[in-house]
Each structure stands twice: as structure tokens, then as C-alpha cells.
């Protein structure tokens, strides 16, 4: 297992001149009345304001529906990921024992942590560790199969779940003056693979800006201070 402390951002760097009708009585009272006159009239301004309010309400309702849909997809993905065995897990017996659990995580003492493990590494030891993590509080929501995450990049999929946990770990660490810890477990290339997955999870998506994926000015959903 290799551990990378914090996440450092490096080299990832950085939208009337004509005659005026002297006696217009309504917004439609004269052919000389311009669009500007209409928009400045009391009637025009009221209509414009109402339309703006309607559009704003529609946008809010649409955003709320999209968010509710996303949360339901995330819930389903979490539920599925927590009840299925990691690909490659030893189904008959776990090399670490069937009753083994990981050490309790103390939120007041321990650094907020996530893990990306390759279940195929170490003669599939990674799969057995993931299986144990899924039976243990805290770890069951913070330990991921890196293979499953890279394969499930759909909206509401495992990559989205990983991003949500990464954001949560960042805020937990910030409240204590710390930086979150990322554990990568696997072969020689897993550490680089894990960092790639972190930046993939944090990559901005303009089409999903209302879902927390807006560009913070550097192509990512975290600003430069968060990435340091």
C-alpha cells in the first residue's frame, strides 16, 4: 500500500435617433413607438418583471428536480456498491478471516481518509481488504475499488460518489486545520492511477454546473487554494 498525503495542484493549471411621438397614450398607441419605449412603459415593465419571475421560478424548480434525481441515483449507487462483493474477492474465505474488521476510525483523532484500492493486486488481497472495509463503519463509504470507479463515470455513478466523499473529507479536514489523506493500494502504478482519478473526479463539467461541477477558474471544481 502506498499513501499520498494531501493533494497538490501542479501544472494543472489555470464569457433613439428618430422623431418621437409626442402623444403616445399606450404602449401600442403609435407606429412611432419603439421597442425601447414599450420596455420603459409601466405596462411593459410589469410584464417583463412577471416573465422574469416565472423564468426564475422555472429554473429553480428544474434545478431542484435535477438535484433530487441526482441524489436518488447516488443513493442507489451507494447501496449497490455496499452490498456487492468487489470484483475478484475471495468468496469462499477471506485471507484475513471472516470476523476481522478494520480498526475503528476516530473522527476526533484520525485524519479524514479515502482509499482507492486495486482489487486485483497482491494476489487479489485488495479485494479482501475492500470486503472487510464494507463491513466496517466509516471505511464502507470511503474505500473504493479504483477499477469500479473508473468504469462507472455516468451521472450518479461511482465517480460521482467518490467526488462527494472527497468533498466531504476536504471539509472535515479543513474544519480541523488538516488536509484529507488519500490511500492508494495496489501495484507500482496504482499511486499515479489514484492521482489521475482524483483529478478526473475534480474536473469541471459546464453541463453540470448546477450540480457542483462549475469551473472555479482553473478547469476544476476546487479552486487553487483547495488544490494546494
Protein backbone atom coordinates (compact mmCIF):
# COMPACT_ATOMS: atom_id res chain seq x y z
CA UNK A 1 0.00 0.00 0.00
CA UNK A 2 1.21 3.46 -0.81
CA UNK A 3 -0.13 6.65 0.80
CA UNK A 4 -0.27 10.09 -0.73
CA UNK A 5 -0.75 12.85 1.86
CA UNK A 6 -2.89 15.73 0.61
CA UNK A 7 -3.49 16.73 -2.96
CA UNK A 8 -1.20 19.24 -4.59
CA UNK A 9 -2.07 21.14 -7.69
CA UNK A 10 0.87 21.27 -10.10
CA UNK A 11 0.89 22.07 -13.78
CA UNK A 12 -2.88 21.63 -13.96
CA UNK A 13 -3.45 24.97 -14.26
CA UNK A 14 -5.12 27.60 -14.76
CA UNK A 15 -17.63 34.80 -21.08
CA UNK A 16 -33.11 56.55 -30.47
CA UNK A 17 -32.35 58.95 -33.01
CA UNK A 18 -35.76 59.32 -34.85
CA UNK A 19 -38.67 61.66 -34.18
CA UNK A 20 -40.55 60.89 -31.01
CA UNK A 21 -44.34 60.62 -30.99
CA UNK A 22 -45.42 63.49 -28.75
CA UNK A 23 -48.68 61.86 -27.67
CA UNK A 24 -48.30 58.13 -27.17
CA UNK A 25 -51.11 57.07 -24.85
CA UNK A 26 -50.41 53.34 -24.66
CA UNK A 27 -47.59 51.03 -25.49
CA UNK A 28 -49.37 50.20 -28.76
CA UNK A 29 -50.74 53.71 -29.42
CA UNK A 30 -48.45 54.76 -32.26
CA UNK A 31 -46.44 53.21 -35.04
CA UNK A 32 -43.59 55.52 -33.98
CA UNK A 33 -43.41 53.89 -30.56
CA UNK A 34 -40.14 51.95 -30.34
CA UNK A 35 -39.36 48.74 -28.52
CA UNK A 36 -37.40 50.85 -26.07
CA UNK A 37 -40.49 52.95 -25.38
CA UNK A 38 -42.50 49.79 -24.79
CA UNK A 39 -39.99 48.26 -22.43
CA UNK A 40 -39.82 51.51 -20.47
CA UNK A 41 -43.58 51.86 -20.17
CA UNK A 42 -45.30 50.84 -16.93
CA UNK A 43 -47.16 48.04 -18.68
CA UNK A 44 -44.02 46.78 -20.38
CA UNK A 45 -42.02 46.80 -17.18
CA UNK A 46 -44.68 44.88 -15.29
CA UNK A 47 -44.90 42.23 -17.98
CA UNK A 48 -41.11 41.92 -18.13
CA UNK A 49 -40.88 41.56 -14.37
CA UNK A 50 -43.54 38.85 -14.32
CA UNK A 51 -41.82 36.94 -17.11
CA UNK A 52 -38.52 37.16 -15.28
CA UNK A 53 -40.10 35.83 -12.09
CA UNK A 54 -41.70 32.95 -14.00
CA UNK A 55 -38.39 32.07 -15.65
CA UNK A 56 -36.60 32.25 -12.31
CA UNK A 57 -39.18 30.01 -10.64
CA UNK A 58 -38.94 27.53 -13.52
CA UNK A 59 -35.14 27.45 -13.26
CA UNK A 60 -35.33 26.88 -9.51
CA UNK A 61 -37.86 24.09 -9.92
CA UNK A 62 -35.81 22.47 -12.67
CA UNK A 63 -32.64 22.64 -10.57
CA UNK A 64 -34.46 21.14 -7.59
CA UNK A 65 -35.76 18.26 -9.70
CA UNK A 66 -32.30 17.61 -11.16
CA UNK A 67 -30.76 17.62 -7.71
CA UNK A 68 -33.40 15.24 -6.35
CA UNK A 69 -32.81 12.93 -9.31
CA UNK A 70 -29.04 13.02 -8.76
CA UNK A 71 -29.38 12.28 -5.04
CA UNK A 72 -31.57 9.27 -5.82
CA UNK A 73 -29.01 7.97 -8.32
CA UNK A 74 -26.23 8.43 -5.77
CA UNK A 75 -28.28 6.61 -3.13
CA UNK A 76 -28.83 3.67 -5.46
CA UNK A 77 -25.15 3.54 -6.38
CA UNK A 78 -24.04 3.63 -2.74
CA UNK A 79 -26.50 0.88 -1.89
CA UNK A 80 -25.31 -1.29 -4.76
CA UNK A 81 -21.64 -0.70 -4.04
CA UNK A 82 -22.05 -1.56 -0.38
CA UNK A 83 -23.89 -4.84 -0.91
CA UNK A 84 -21.99 -6.39 -3.81
CA UNK A 85 -18.62 -8.06 -3.38
CA UNK A 86 -15.65 -6.36 -5.03
CA UNK A 87 -14.69 -7.90 -8.33
CA UNK A 88 -12.09 -10.57 -7.65
CA UNK A 89 -12.96 -11.03 -3.97
CA UNK A 90 -12.34 -14.45 -2.43
CA UNK A 91 -15.93 -15.58 -1.99
CA UNK A 92 -15.19 -18.80 -0.12
CA UNK A 93 -12.94 -17.29 2.53
CA UNK A 94 -11.19 -14.03 3.24
CA UNK A 95 -7.46 -14.47 3.83
CA UNK A 96 -7.75 -12.12 6.80
CA UNK A 97 -10.59 -14.09 8.38
CA UNK A 98 -14.36 -13.85 8.25
CA UNK A 99 -14.72 -12.00 11.56
CA UNK A 100 -11.96 -9.44 11.07
CA UNK A 101 -12.84 -5.74 10.98
CA UNK A 102 -10.64 -2.73 10.35
CA UNK A 103 -9.58 -0.61 13.35
CA UNK A 104 -12.29 1.83 14.46
CA UNK A 105 -11.99 5.26 12.87
CA UNK A 106 -11.96 8.05 15.46
CA UNK A 107 -13.18 11.23 13.77
CA UNK A 108 -11.65 13.34 16.54
CA UNK A 109 -8.17 11.78 16.25
CA UNK A 110 -7.72 10.39 12.78
CA UNK A 111 -7.19 12.35 9.57
CA UNK A 112 -10.16 12.21 7.15
CA UNK A 113 -9.24 9.47 4.71
CA UNK A 114 -10.27 7.97 1.40
CA UNK A 115 -8.83 4.93 -0.31
CA UNK A 116 -8.60 3.79 -3.92
CA UNK A 117 -7.59 0.13 -4.00
CA UNK A 118 -6.95 -2.18 -6.91
CA UNK A 119 -8.82 -5.40 -6.07
CA UNK A 120 -6.63 -7.43 -8.43
CA UNK A 121 -3.31 -6.51 -6.82
CA UNK A 122 -1.37 -8.56 -4.29
CA UNK A 123 -2.88 -11.85 -5.46
CA UNK A 124 -6.25 -10.14 -5.04
CA UNK A 125 -5.51 -9.03 -1.48
CA UNK A 126 -7.02 -5.67 -2.43
CA UNK A 127 -10.39 -7.35 -2.95
CA UNK A 128 -10.25 -8.94 0.51
CA UNK A 129 -9.40 -5.59 2.12
CA UNK A 130 -12.30 -3.95 0.30
CA UNK A 131 -14.60 -6.72 1.50
CA UNK A 132 -13.52 -6.03 5.10
CA UNK A 133 -13.92 -2.27 4.63
CA UNK A 134 -17.52 -2.77 3.53
CA UNK A 135 -18.30 -4.39 6.87
CA UNK A 136 -16.74 -1.57 8.90
CA UNK A 137 -18.29 1.84 9.69
CA UNK A 138 -16.64 4.85 8.04
CA UNK A 139 -14.49 2.72 5.74
CA UNK A 140 -17.53 1.32 3.94
CA UNK A 141 -18.23 4.76 2.48
CA UNK A 142 -14.63 5.88 1.99
CA UNK A 143 -12.85 2.84 0.49
CA UNK A 144 -13.34 2.34 -3.25
CA UNK A 145 -12.31 -0.11 -5.92
CA UNK A 146 -10.33 2.08 -8.30
CA UNK A 147 -11.30 -0.24 -11.15
CA UNK A 148 -15.03 0.15 -10.44
CA UNK A 149 -14.75 3.93 -10.09
CA UNK A 150 -13.01 4.46 -13.44
CA UNK A 151 -15.58 2.22 -15.14
CA UNK A 152 -18.64 3.96 -13.68
CA UNK A 153 -18.43 7.58 -14.83
CA UNK A 154 -22.15 8.01 -15.57
CA UNK A 155 -24.14 10.73 -13.82
CA UNK A 156 -24.86 9.44 -10.33
CA UNK A 157 -22.29 6.66 -10.70
CA UNK A 158 -19.32 5.67 -8.57
CA UNK A 159 -17.15 8.54 -9.79
CA UNK A 160 -19.83 10.95 -8.56
CA UNK A 161 -20.00 9.10 -5.23
CA UNK A 162 -16.21 9.27 -4.90
CA UNK A 163 -16.32 13.03 -5.63
CA UNK A 164 -18.98 13.55 -2.95
CA UNK A 165 -16.87 11.70 -0.38
CA UNK A 166 -13.75 13.59 -1.47
CA UNK A 167 -15.58 16.90 -0.95
CA UNK A 168 -16.82 15.74 2.46
CA UNK A 169 -13.32 14.66 3.52
CA UNK A 170 -11.94 18.03 2.42
CA UNK A 171 -14.46 19.93 4.57
CA UNK A 172 -13.92 17.63 7.55
CA UNK A 173 -10.16 18.14 7.31
CA UNK A 174 -10.47 21.90 6.81
CA UNK A 175 -12.53 22.24 10.00
CA UNK A 176 -9.56 20.78 11.89
CA UNK A 177 -6.81 22.61 10.01
CA UNK A 178 -5.76 19.44 8.17
CA UNK A 179 -5.70 18.07 4.65
CA UNK A 180 -7.51 14.86 3.67
CA UNK A 181 -5.47 11.71 3.19
CA UNK A 182 -5.67 9.56 0.08
CA UNK A 183 -4.57 5.94 0.32
CA UNK A 184 -3.69 4.14 -2.88
CA UNK A 185 -3.33 0.40 -2.68
CA UNK A 186 -2.06 -1.85 -5.43
CA UNK A 187 0.93 -2.28 -7.70
CA UNK A 188 3.63 0.17 -8.70
CA UNK A 189 1.31 2.15 -10.98
CA UNK A 190 -1.62 2.47 -8.60
CA UNK A 191 -0.39 5.69 -6.96
CA UNK A 192 -0.31 7.51 -10.32
CA UNK A 193 -3.64 5.92 -11.24
CA UNK A 194 -5.15 7.17 -7.95
CA UNK A 195 -3.96 10.75 -8.54
CA UNK A 196 -5.38 10.58 -12.07
CA UNK A 197 -8.74 9.53 -10.60
CA UNK A 198 -8.69 12.41 -8.11
CA UNK A 199 -8.16 14.98 -10.87
CA UNK A 200 -10.77 13.24 -13.03
CA UNK A 201 -13.28 13.48 -10.18
CA UNK A 202 -12.45 17.17 -9.69
CA UNK A 203 -12.61 18.06 -13.40
CA UNK A 204 -15.20 20.77 -14.11
CA UNK A 205 -18.22 19.95 -16.29
CA UNK A 206 -20.01 23.07 -17.63
CA UNK A 207 -23.09 20.98 -18.41
CA UNK A 208 -23.42 20.12 -14.72
CA UNK A 209 -22.50 23.44 -13.15
CA UNK A 210 -25.72 23.41 -11.12
CA UNK A 211 -24.66 20.09 -9.60
CA UNK A 212 -21.42 21.35 -8.10
CA UNK A 213 -19.24 20.87 -11.18
CA UNK A 214 -18.81 24.53 -12.13
CA UNK A 215 -15.34 25.66 -13.22
CA UNK A 216 -13.52 27.56 -10.45
CA UNK A 217 -11.28 29.29 -12.98
CA UNK A 218 -8.70 26.53 -13.33
CA UNK A 219 -10.67 23.77 -15.04
CA UNK A 220 -11.52 22.10 -11.74
CA UNK A 221 -14.36 22.24 -9.21
CA UNK A 222 -11.87 23.12 -6.45
CA UNK A 223 -10.05 26.44 -6.54
CA UNK A 224 -6.27 26.70 -6.38
CA UNK A 225 -6.27 27.05 -2.59
CA UNK A 226 -8.20 23.79 -2.24
CA UNK A 227 -5.78 22.01 -4.55
CA UNK A 228 -2.63 23.09 -2.72
